[in-house]
Amino acid sequence: MTDYNTLNHCQFLIQYHIIWCPKFRYSVLEENISDDLKTILDDISQKYGYNIKAMEVMPDHIHLFVSTKPTVPTDMVRTLKSIFAIELFKNIRN
């Protein structure tokens, strides 16, 4: 049985499968960047109340399976992508 989430006036189970690719699908998500990326995405998801069910980082793309409240999915994707890009570039420069 799948566990449904509840708010005041609704029950829901909303899950998204999100795939991101670097520009031109270059293989830039190597091992050390992959670890930083997973940590950053976990931190963001805890802060904003997203539940990452599964995450796979390949050298040329990222798979996320995320469960969240019934909000506009573009807000979730925009939040995840913008914050993790900023944090990842900070980690790479240091």
N, C-alpha and C. Protein backbone atom coordinates (compact mmCIF):
# COMPACT_ATOMS: atom_id res chain seq x y z
N MET A 1 0.84 -1.18 0.00
CA MET A 1 0.00 0.00 0.00
C MET A 1 0.88 1.24 0.00
N THR A 2 0.60 2.16 -0.87
CA THR A 2 1.36 3.39 -0.97
C THR A 2 0.89 4.36 0.11
N ASP A 3 1.84 5.03 0.75
CA ASP A 3 1.51 5.99 1.80
C ASP A 3 1.17 7.33 1.18
N TYR A 4 -0.05 7.79 1.39
CA TYR A 4 -0.49 9.08 0.90
C TYR A 4 -0.17 10.14 1.94
N ASN A 5 0.12 11.33 1.49
CA ASN A 5 0.35 12.47 2.37
C ASN A 5 -0.96 13.23 2.51
N THR A 6 -1.10 13.99 3.59
CA THR A 6 -2.33 14.74 3.80
C THR A 6 -2.02 16.19 4.14
N LEU A 7 -2.90 17.06 3.69
CA LEU A 7 -2.94 18.46 4.11
C LEU A 7 -4.33 18.70 4.69
N ASN A 8 -4.69 19.93 4.95
CA ASN A 8 -5.98 20.22 5.59
C ASN A 8 -7.17 19.62 4.86
N HIS A 9 -7.22 19.77 3.54
CA HIS A 9 -8.40 19.37 2.81
C HIS A 9 -8.12 18.38 1.69
N CYS A 10 -7.00 17.71 1.73
CA CYS A 10 -6.72 16.78 0.63
C CYS A 10 -5.75 15.69 1.05
N GLN A 11 -5.79 14.63 0.31
CA GLN A 11 -4.81 13.54 0.39
C GLN A 11 -4.12 13.50 -0.95
N PHE A 12 -2.80 13.28 -0.95
CA PHE A 12 -2.09 13.33 -2.22
C PHE A 12 -0.88 12.41 -2.20
N LEU A 13 -0.48 12.02 -3.38
CA LEU A 13 0.76 11.30 -3.62
C LEU A 13 1.27 11.79 -4.97
N ILE A 14 2.12 12.80 -4.91
CA ILE A 14 2.64 13.41 -6.13
C ILE A 14 4.13 13.13 -6.19
N GLN A 15 4.55 12.47 -7.27
CA GLN A 15 5.95 12.13 -7.45
C GLN A 15 6.38 12.53 -8.85
N TYR A 16 7.58 13.07 -8.95
CA TYR A 16 8.11 13.53 -10.22
C TYR A 16 9.41 12.81 -10.53
N HIS A 17 9.59 12.44 -11.78
CA HIS A 17 10.85 11.91 -12.26
C HIS A 17 11.50 13.02 -13.07
N ILE A 18 12.59 13.56 -12.55
CA ILE A 18 13.24 14.71 -13.17
C ILE A 18 14.60 14.26 -13.70
N ILE A 19 14.90 14.65 -14.93
CA ILE A 19 16.19 14.35 -15.53
C ILE A 19 16.82 15.66 -15.98
N TRP A 20 18.06 15.90 -15.55
CA TRP A 20 18.82 17.08 -15.97
C TRP A 20 20.06 16.63 -16.72
N CYS A 21 20.43 17.39 -17.71
CA CYS A 21 21.65 17.15 -18.47
C CYS A 21 22.49 18.42 -18.49
N PRO A 22 23.81 18.31 -18.33
CA PRO A 22 24.65 19.49 -18.51
C PRO A 22 24.59 19.97 -19.96
N LYS A 23 24.99 21.19 -20.18
CA LYS A 23 24.95 21.76 -21.52
C LYS A 23 25.74 20.88 -22.48
N PHE A 24 25.18 20.62 -23.62
CA PHE A 24 25.74 19.76 -24.66
C PHE A 24 25.98 18.34 -24.18
N ARG A 25 25.38 18.00 -23.04
CA ARG A 25 25.49 16.67 -22.42
C ARG A 25 26.95 16.23 -22.22
N TYR A 26 27.78 17.21 -21.86
CA TYR A 26 29.18 16.89 -21.55
C TYR A 26 29.25 16.04 -20.29
N SER A 27 30.24 15.19 -20.21
CA SER A 27 30.43 14.31 -19.04
C SER A 27 31.24 15.04 -17.98
N VAL A 28 30.60 15.96 -17.27
CA VAL A 28 31.31 16.76 -16.27
C VAL A 28 30.97 16.35 -14.84
N LEU A 29 30.01 15.48 -14.65
CA LEU A 29 29.60 15.08 -13.30
C LEU A 29 30.41 13.88 -12.85
N GLU A 30 31.68 14.11 -12.66
CA GLU A 30 32.61 13.05 -12.25
C GLU A 30 32.42 12.70 -10.78
N GLU A 31 33.24 11.80 -10.28
CA GLU A 31 33.04 11.22 -8.95
C GLU A 31 33.01 12.24 -7.81
N ASN A 32 34.00 13.15 -7.75
CA ASN A 32 34.03 14.12 -6.64
C ASN A 32 32.89 15.13 -6.76
N ILE A 33 32.54 15.55 -7.96
CA ILE A 33 31.42 16.46 -8.17
C ILE A 33 30.11 15.75 -7.86
N SER A 34 30.02 14.48 -8.20
CA SER A 34 28.82 13.70 -7.95
C SER A 34 28.50 13.63 -6.45
N ASP A 35 29.51 13.43 -5.63
CA ASP A 35 29.30 13.37 -4.18
C ASP A 35 28.82 14.71 -3.63
N ASP A 36 29.46 15.80 -4.08
CA ASP A 36 29.03 17.14 -3.65
C ASP A 36 27.59 17.41 -4.08
N LEU A 37 27.28 17.02 -5.30
CA LEU A 37 25.95 17.24 -5.85
C LEU A 37 24.88 16.53 -5.04
N LYS A 38 25.12 15.29 -4.67
CA LYS A 38 24.16 14.53 -3.86
C LYS A 38 23.94 15.19 -2.50
N THR A 39 25.02 15.64 -1.87
CA THR A 39 24.92 16.30 -0.57
C THR A 39 24.12 17.60 -0.67
N ILE A 40 24.41 18.39 -1.70
CA ILE A 40 23.71 19.66 -1.89
C ILE A 40 22.23 19.43 -2.14
N LEU A 41 21.88 18.48 -3.00
CA LEU A 41 20.48 18.21 -3.30
C LEU A 41 19.74 17.68 -2.07
N ASP A 42 20.40 16.86 -1.25
CA ASP A 42 19.77 16.39 -0.01
C ASP A 42 19.48 17.55 0.94
N ASP A 43 20.45 18.47 1.07
CA ASP A 43 20.26 19.64 1.94
C ASP A 43 19.10 20.52 1.46
N ILE A 44 19.05 20.76 0.16
CA ILE A 44 17.97 21.59 -0.39
C ILE A 44 16.61 20.93 -0.17
N SER A 45 16.55 19.63 -0.40
CA SER A 45 15.27 18.93 -0.27
C SER A 45 14.78 18.94 1.18
N GLN A 46 15.68 18.82 2.14
CA GLN A 46 15.28 18.90 3.54
C GLN A 46 14.79 20.29 3.90
N LYS A 47 15.46 21.31 3.39
CA LYS A 47 15.09 22.69 3.70
C LYS A 47 13.72 23.05 3.14
N TYR A 48 13.39 22.57 1.93
CA TYR A 48 12.15 22.95 1.27
C TYR A 48 11.04 21.90 1.39
N GLY A 49 11.28 20.80 2.07
CA GLY A 49 10.25 19.81 2.30
C GLY A 49 10.00 18.86 1.15
N TYR A 50 11.00 18.67 0.29
CA TYR A 50 10.90 17.69 -0.78
C TYR A 50 11.45 16.37 -0.28
N ASN A 51 10.92 15.27 -0.75
CA ASN A 51 11.39 13.96 -0.33
C ASN A 51 12.00 13.26 -1.55
N ILE A 52 13.32 13.17 -1.57
CA ILE A 52 13.99 12.50 -2.69
C ILE A 52 13.91 11.00 -2.45
N LYS A 53 13.13 10.32 -3.29
CA LYS A 53 12.96 8.87 -3.17
C LYS A 53 14.14 8.13 -3.76
N ALA A 54 14.68 8.63 -4.88
CA ALA A 54 15.83 8.01 -5.53
C ALA A 54 16.61 9.09 -6.27
N MET A 55 17.94 8.92 -6.27
CA MET A 55 18.81 9.86 -6.97
C MET A 55 19.95 9.07 -7.61
N GLU A 56 20.20 9.35 -8.87
CA GLU A 56 21.31 8.71 -9.57
C GLU A 56 22.02 9.78 -10.37
N VAL A 57 23.32 9.91 -10.14
CA VAL A 57 24.13 10.88 -10.87
C VAL A 57 25.04 10.12 -11.81
N MET A 58 24.83 10.32 -13.10
CA MET A 58 25.66 9.73 -14.14
C MET A 58 26.61 10.81 -14.64
N PRO A 59 27.68 10.46 -15.35
CA PRO A 59 28.61 11.50 -15.82
C PRO A 59 27.98 12.57 -16.70
N ASP A 60 26.90 12.23 -17.41
CA ASP A 60 26.32 13.21 -18.33
C ASP A 60 24.86 13.55 -18.04
N HIS A 61 24.29 13.08 -16.93
CA HIS A 61 22.93 13.45 -16.55
C HIS A 61 22.62 13.03 -15.11
N ILE A 62 21.52 13.59 -14.58
CA ILE A 62 21.08 13.33 -13.21
C ILE A 62 19.63 12.85 -13.27
N HIS A 63 19.32 11.80 -12.51
CA HIS A 63 17.94 11.33 -12.36
C HIS A 63 17.52 11.59 -10.92
N LEU A 64 16.37 12.23 -10.74
CA LEU A 64 15.78 12.43 -9.42
C LEU A 64 14.35 11.91 -9.44
N PHE A 65 13.97 11.19 -8.41
CA PHE A 65 12.59 10.79 -8.22
C PHE A 65 12.15 11.44 -6.92
N VAL A 66 11.30 12.46 -7.02
CA VAL A 66 10.99 13.33 -5.90
C VAL A 66 9.50 13.30 -5.59
N SER A 67 9.18 13.26 -4.30
CA SER A 67 7.80 13.37 -3.83
C SER A 67 7.67 14.70 -3.11
N THR A 68 6.58 15.41 -3.37
CA THR A 68 6.41 16.73 -2.77
C THR A 68 4.94 17.07 -2.59
N LYS A 69 4.69 18.18 -1.98
CA LYS A 69 3.32 18.69 -1.81
C LYS A 69 2.77 19.10 -3.17
N PRO A 70 1.46 19.25 -3.27
CA PRO A 70 0.88 19.65 -4.56
C PRO A 70 1.14 21.12 -4.89
N THR A 71 2.37 21.41 -5.22
CA THR A 71 2.74 22.75 -5.66
C THR A 71 3.10 22.67 -7.13
N VAL A 72 3.31 23.78 -7.72
CA VAL A 72 3.67 23.81 -9.14
C VAL A 72 5.05 23.16 -9.29
N PRO A 73 5.17 22.13 -10.15
CA PRO A 73 6.45 21.43 -10.27
C PRO A 73 7.59 22.31 -10.76
N THR A 74 7.28 23.34 -11.52
CA THR A 74 8.36 24.21 -12.00
C THR A 74 9.01 24.96 -10.86
N ASP A 75 8.25 25.28 -9.81
CA ASP A 75 8.85 25.93 -8.64
C ASP A 75 9.86 25.01 -7.98
N MET A 76 9.53 23.74 -7.86
CA MET A 76 10.44 22.78 -7.25
C MET A 76 11.70 22.62 -8.09
N VAL A 77 11.55 22.47 -9.38
CA VAL A 77 12.70 22.28 -10.26
C VAL A 77 13.57 23.54 -10.27
N ARG A 78 12.94 24.70 -10.36
CA ARG A 78 13.70 25.95 -10.36
C ARG A 78 14.50 26.10 -9.06
N THR A 79 13.88 25.79 -7.93
CA THR A 79 14.56 25.89 -6.65
C THR A 79 15.74 24.94 -6.58
N LEU A 80 15.52 23.69 -6.93
CA LEU A 80 16.61 22.70 -6.87
C LEU A 80 17.75 23.09 -7.80
N LYS A 81 17.45 23.42 -9.05
CA LYS A 81 18.50 23.72 -10.02
C LYS A 81 19.27 24.98 -9.68
N SER A 82 18.59 26.02 -9.27
CA SER A 82 19.29 27.28 -9.03
C SER A 82 20.19 27.19 -7.81
N ILE A 83 19.71 26.63 -6.72
CA ILE A 83 20.52 26.56 -5.50
C ILE A 83 21.66 25.58 -5.66
N PHE A 84 21.40 24.40 -6.27
CA PHE A 84 22.51 23.45 -6.37
C PHE A 84 23.56 23.93 -7.35
N ALA A 85 23.21 24.69 -8.37
CA ALA A 85 24.21 25.23 -9.30
C ALA A 85 25.12 26.21 -8.58
N ILE A 86 24.54 27.11 -7.79
CA ILE A 86 25.34 28.09 -7.05
C ILE A 86 26.27 27.39 -6.07
N GLU A 87 25.73 26.44 -5.29
CA GLU A 87 26.54 25.74 -4.29
C GLU A 87 27.63 24.88 -4.94
N LEU A 88 27.32 24.24 -6.03
CA LEU A 88 28.28 23.39 -6.71
C LEU A 88 29.44 24.22 -7.26
N PHE A 89 29.15 25.38 -7.85
CA PHE A 89 30.21 26.24 -8.36
C PHE A 89 31.08 26.78 -7.23
N LYS A 90 30.47 27.05 -6.07
CA LYS A 90 31.27 27.48 -4.90
C LYS A 90 32.24 26.36 -4.50
N ASN A 91 31.76 25.12 -4.47
CA ASN A 91 32.61 23.99 -4.08
C ASN A 91 33.72 23.73 -5.09
N ILE A 92 33.44 23.92 -6.37
CA ILE A 92 34.45 23.68 -7.40
C ILE A 92 35.56 24.72 -7.32
N ARG A 93 35.19 25.96 -7.06
CA ARG A 93 36.19 27.05 -7.00
C ARG A 93 37.09 26.93 -5.78
N ASN A 94 36.61 26.33 -4.70
CA ASN A 94 37.42 26.22 -3.47
C ASN A 94 38.32 25.06 -3.48
